[in-house]
Amino acid sequence: MADESTMNCIDIILAIILPPLGVFLKFGCKVEFWICLILTLFGWIPGIIYAVYAITKN
C-alpha cells in the first residue's frame, strides 16, 4: 500500500499536468477545487502554483 508521501508526489505530478484534477483528488468538490479551476482558466501557471500550494499545505 502506498504511503502518504507517495500519494503527495502523485498528486503534485497531476497538479502540474492538470491542476484542477490534482486538487479534486485531494479535496473533492470543495472550495479549493473551484479556486484552482478559476485560476487555471485565467492561466495555467497560477493554477499550478495554487494546486501545489493547496496539496502541500497541512
N, C-alpha and C. Protein backbone atom coordinates (compact mmCIF):
# COMPACT_ATOMS: atom_id res chain seq x y z
N MET A 1 0.84 -1.17 0.00
CA MET A 1 0.00 0.00 0.00
C MET A 1 0.89 1.24 0.00
N ALA A 2 0.47 2.26 -0.74
CA ALA A 2 1.25 3.48 -0.87
C ALA A 2 1.13 4.32 0.40
N ASP A 3 2.23 4.92 0.79
CA ASP A 3 2.18 5.78 1.96
C ASP A 3 1.82 7.20 1.55
N GLU A 4 1.72 8.09 2.53
CA GLU A 4 1.24 9.45 2.28
C GLU A 4 2.20 10.26 1.40
N SER A 5 3.51 10.07 1.56
CA SER A 5 4.45 10.84 0.75
C SER A 5 4.38 10.45 -0.72
N THR A 6 4.13 9.17 -1.00
CA THR A 6 3.97 8.73 -2.38
C THR A 6 2.71 9.33 -2.99
N MET A 7 1.64 9.37 -2.22
CA MET A 7 0.40 9.95 -2.72
C MET A 7 0.56 11.45 -2.96
N ASN A 8 1.31 12.14 -2.10
CA ASN A 8 1.57 13.56 -2.32
C ASN A 8 2.37 13.78 -3.60
N CYS A 9 3.33 12.90 -3.88
CA CYS A 9 4.10 13.00 -5.12
C CYS A 9 3.21 12.83 -6.33
N ILE A 10 2.34 11.85 -6.30
CA ILE A 10 1.41 11.62 -7.41
C ILE A 10 0.47 12.80 -7.57
N ASP A 11 -0.04 13.33 -6.45
CA ASP A 11 -0.93 14.49 -6.51
C ASP A 11 -0.22 15.71 -7.09
N ILE A 12 1.03 15.92 -6.74
CA ILE A 12 1.78 17.07 -7.26
C ILE A 12 2.05 16.91 -8.75
N ILE A 13 2.37 15.71 -9.19
CA ILE A 13 2.57 15.48 -10.63
C ILE A 13 1.29 15.74 -11.39
N LEU A 14 0.16 15.27 -10.86
CA LEU A 14 -1.13 15.54 -11.50
C LEU A 14 -1.45 17.03 -11.48
N ALA A 15 -1.06 17.72 -10.41
CA ALA A 15 -1.31 19.15 -10.31
C ALA A 15 -0.51 19.93 -11.34
N ILE A 16 0.65 19.44 -11.71
CA ILE A 16 1.45 20.11 -12.74
C ILE A 16 0.85 19.86 -14.12
N ILE A 17 0.38 18.65 -14.35
CA ILE A 17 -0.20 18.32 -15.66
C ILE A 17 -1.58 18.95 -15.83
N LEU A 18 -2.44 18.75 -14.85
CA LEU A 18 -3.80 19.30 -14.90
C LEU A 18 -4.18 19.72 -13.48
N PRO A 19 -3.96 20.99 -13.14
CA PRO A 19 -4.11 21.44 -11.76
C PRO A 19 -5.44 21.12 -11.08
N PRO A 20 -6.60 21.33 -11.71
CA PRO A 20 -7.85 21.03 -11.01
C PRO A 20 -8.01 19.55 -10.66
N LEU A 21 -7.46 18.67 -11.49
CA LEU A 21 -7.57 17.24 -11.21
C LEU A 21 -6.82 16.86 -9.95
N GLY A 22 -5.61 17.38 -9.78
CA GLY A 22 -4.83 17.09 -8.58
C GLY A 22 -5.53 17.57 -7.32
N VAL A 23 -6.11 18.75 -7.39
CA VAL A 23 -6.82 19.31 -6.23
C VAL A 23 -8.11 18.53 -5.98
N PHE A 24 -8.80 18.15 -7.04
CA PHE A 24 -10.05 17.39 -6.89
C PHE A 24 -9.79 16.04 -6.22
N LEU A 25 -8.73 15.36 -6.60
CA LEU A 25 -8.42 14.07 -6.00
C LEU A 25 -8.05 14.20 -4.52
N LYS A 26 -7.51 15.34 -4.14
CA LYS A 26 -7.11 15.55 -2.74
C LYS A 26 -8.29 16.03 -1.88
N PHE A 27 -9.10 16.97 -2.40
CA PHE A 27 -10.13 17.62 -1.58
C PHE A 27 -11.55 17.30 -2.01
N GLY A 28 -11.74 16.78 -3.19
CA GLY A 28 -13.11 16.61 -3.70
C GLY A 28 -13.60 17.92 -4.27
N CYS A 29 -14.90 18.09 -4.29
CA CYS A 29 -15.51 19.27 -4.93
C CYS A 29 -15.74 20.38 -3.90
N LYS A 30 -14.71 20.71 -3.16
CA LYS A 30 -14.79 21.77 -2.15
C LYS A 30 -14.28 23.07 -2.75
N VAL A 31 -14.17 24.09 -1.92
CA VAL A 31 -13.80 25.43 -2.38
C VAL A 31 -12.39 25.45 -2.99
N GLU A 32 -11.48 24.60 -2.52
CA GLU A 32 -10.13 24.56 -3.09
C GLU A 32 -10.16 24.20 -4.56
N PHE A 33 -11.02 23.26 -4.92
CA PHE A 33 -11.15 22.84 -6.32
C PHE A 33 -11.64 24.00 -7.18
N TRP A 34 -12.65 24.72 -6.73
CA TRP A 34 -13.21 25.81 -7.52
C TRP A 34 -12.23 26.96 -7.68
N ILE A 35 -11.47 27.25 -6.62
CA ILE A 35 -10.44 28.29 -6.73
C ILE A 35 -9.40 27.89 -7.76
N CYS A 36 -8.98 26.64 -7.71
CA CYS A 36 -7.98 26.14 -8.65
C CYS A 36 -8.52 26.16 -10.08
N LEU A 37 -9.76 25.79 -10.25
CA LEU A 37 -10.36 25.79 -11.58
C LEU A 37 -10.41 27.21 -12.16
N ILE A 38 -10.82 28.17 -11.37
CA ILE A 38 -10.88 29.55 -11.83
C ILE A 38 -9.49 30.08 -12.16
N LEU A 39 -8.52 29.80 -11.29
CA LEU A 39 -7.16 30.25 -11.56
C LEU A 39 -6.59 29.59 -12.81
N THR A 40 -6.93 28.33 -13.04
CA THR A 40 -6.45 27.64 -14.23
C THR A 40 -7.10 28.23 -15.49
N LEU A 41 -8.35 28.64 -15.39
CA LEU A 41 -8.99 29.28 -16.53
C LEU A 41 -8.34 30.62 -16.86
N PHE A 42 -7.89 31.34 -15.83
CA PHE A 42 -7.19 32.60 -16.05
C PHE A 42 -5.79 32.39 -16.60
N GLY A 43 -5.18 31.29 -16.25
CA GLY A 43 -3.84 30.98 -16.71
C GLY A 43 -3.36 29.69 -16.10
N TRP A 44 -2.62 28.93 -16.87
CA TRP A 44 -2.20 27.61 -16.41
C TRP A 44 -1.22 27.71 -15.24
N ILE A 45 -0.31 28.66 -15.29
CA ILE A 45 0.70 28.82 -14.24
C ILE A 45 0.08 29.18 -12.89
N PRO A 46 -0.84 30.15 -12.80
CA PRO A 46 -1.47 30.40 -11.49
C PRO A 46 -2.21 29.18 -10.95
N GLY A 47 -2.80 28.40 -11.84
CA GLY A 47 -3.47 27.17 -11.41
C GLY A 47 -2.50 26.17 -10.83
N ILE A 48 -1.34 26.04 -11.45
CA ILE A 48 -0.31 25.12 -10.95
C ILE A 48 0.20 25.58 -9.59
N ILE A 49 0.48 26.87 -9.47
CA ILE A 49 1.01 27.40 -8.21
C ILE A 49 0.02 27.15 -7.08
N TYR A 50 -1.25 27.46 -7.31
CA TYR A 50 -2.24 27.25 -6.27
C TYR A 50 -2.43 25.77 -5.96
N ALA A 51 -2.45 24.94 -6.99
CA ALA A 51 -2.65 23.50 -6.78
C ALA A 51 -1.54 22.90 -5.93
N VAL A 52 -0.31 23.25 -6.24
CA VAL A 52 0.83 22.72 -5.46
C VAL A 52 0.76 23.25 -4.04
N TYR A 53 0.41 24.52 -3.87
CA TYR A 53 0.26 25.09 -2.53
C TYR A 53 -0.84 24.36 -1.75
N ALA A 54 -1.99 24.17 -2.37
CA ALA A 54 -3.12 23.54 -1.68
C ALA A 54 -2.82 22.09 -1.30
N ILE A 55 -2.10 21.39 -2.17
CA ILE A 55 -1.79 19.99 -1.88
C ILE A 55 -0.75 19.85 -0.79
N THR A 56 0.23 20.76 -0.77
CA THR A 56 1.34 20.60 0.18
C THR A 56 1.07 21.23 1.55
N LYS A 57 0.09 22.13 1.65
CA LYS A 57 -0.18 22.74 2.96
C LYS A 57 -0.83 21.71 3.89
N ASN A 58 -0.59 21.88 5.16
CA ASN A 58 -1.18 20.94 6.14
C ASN A 58 -2.03 21.69 7.12
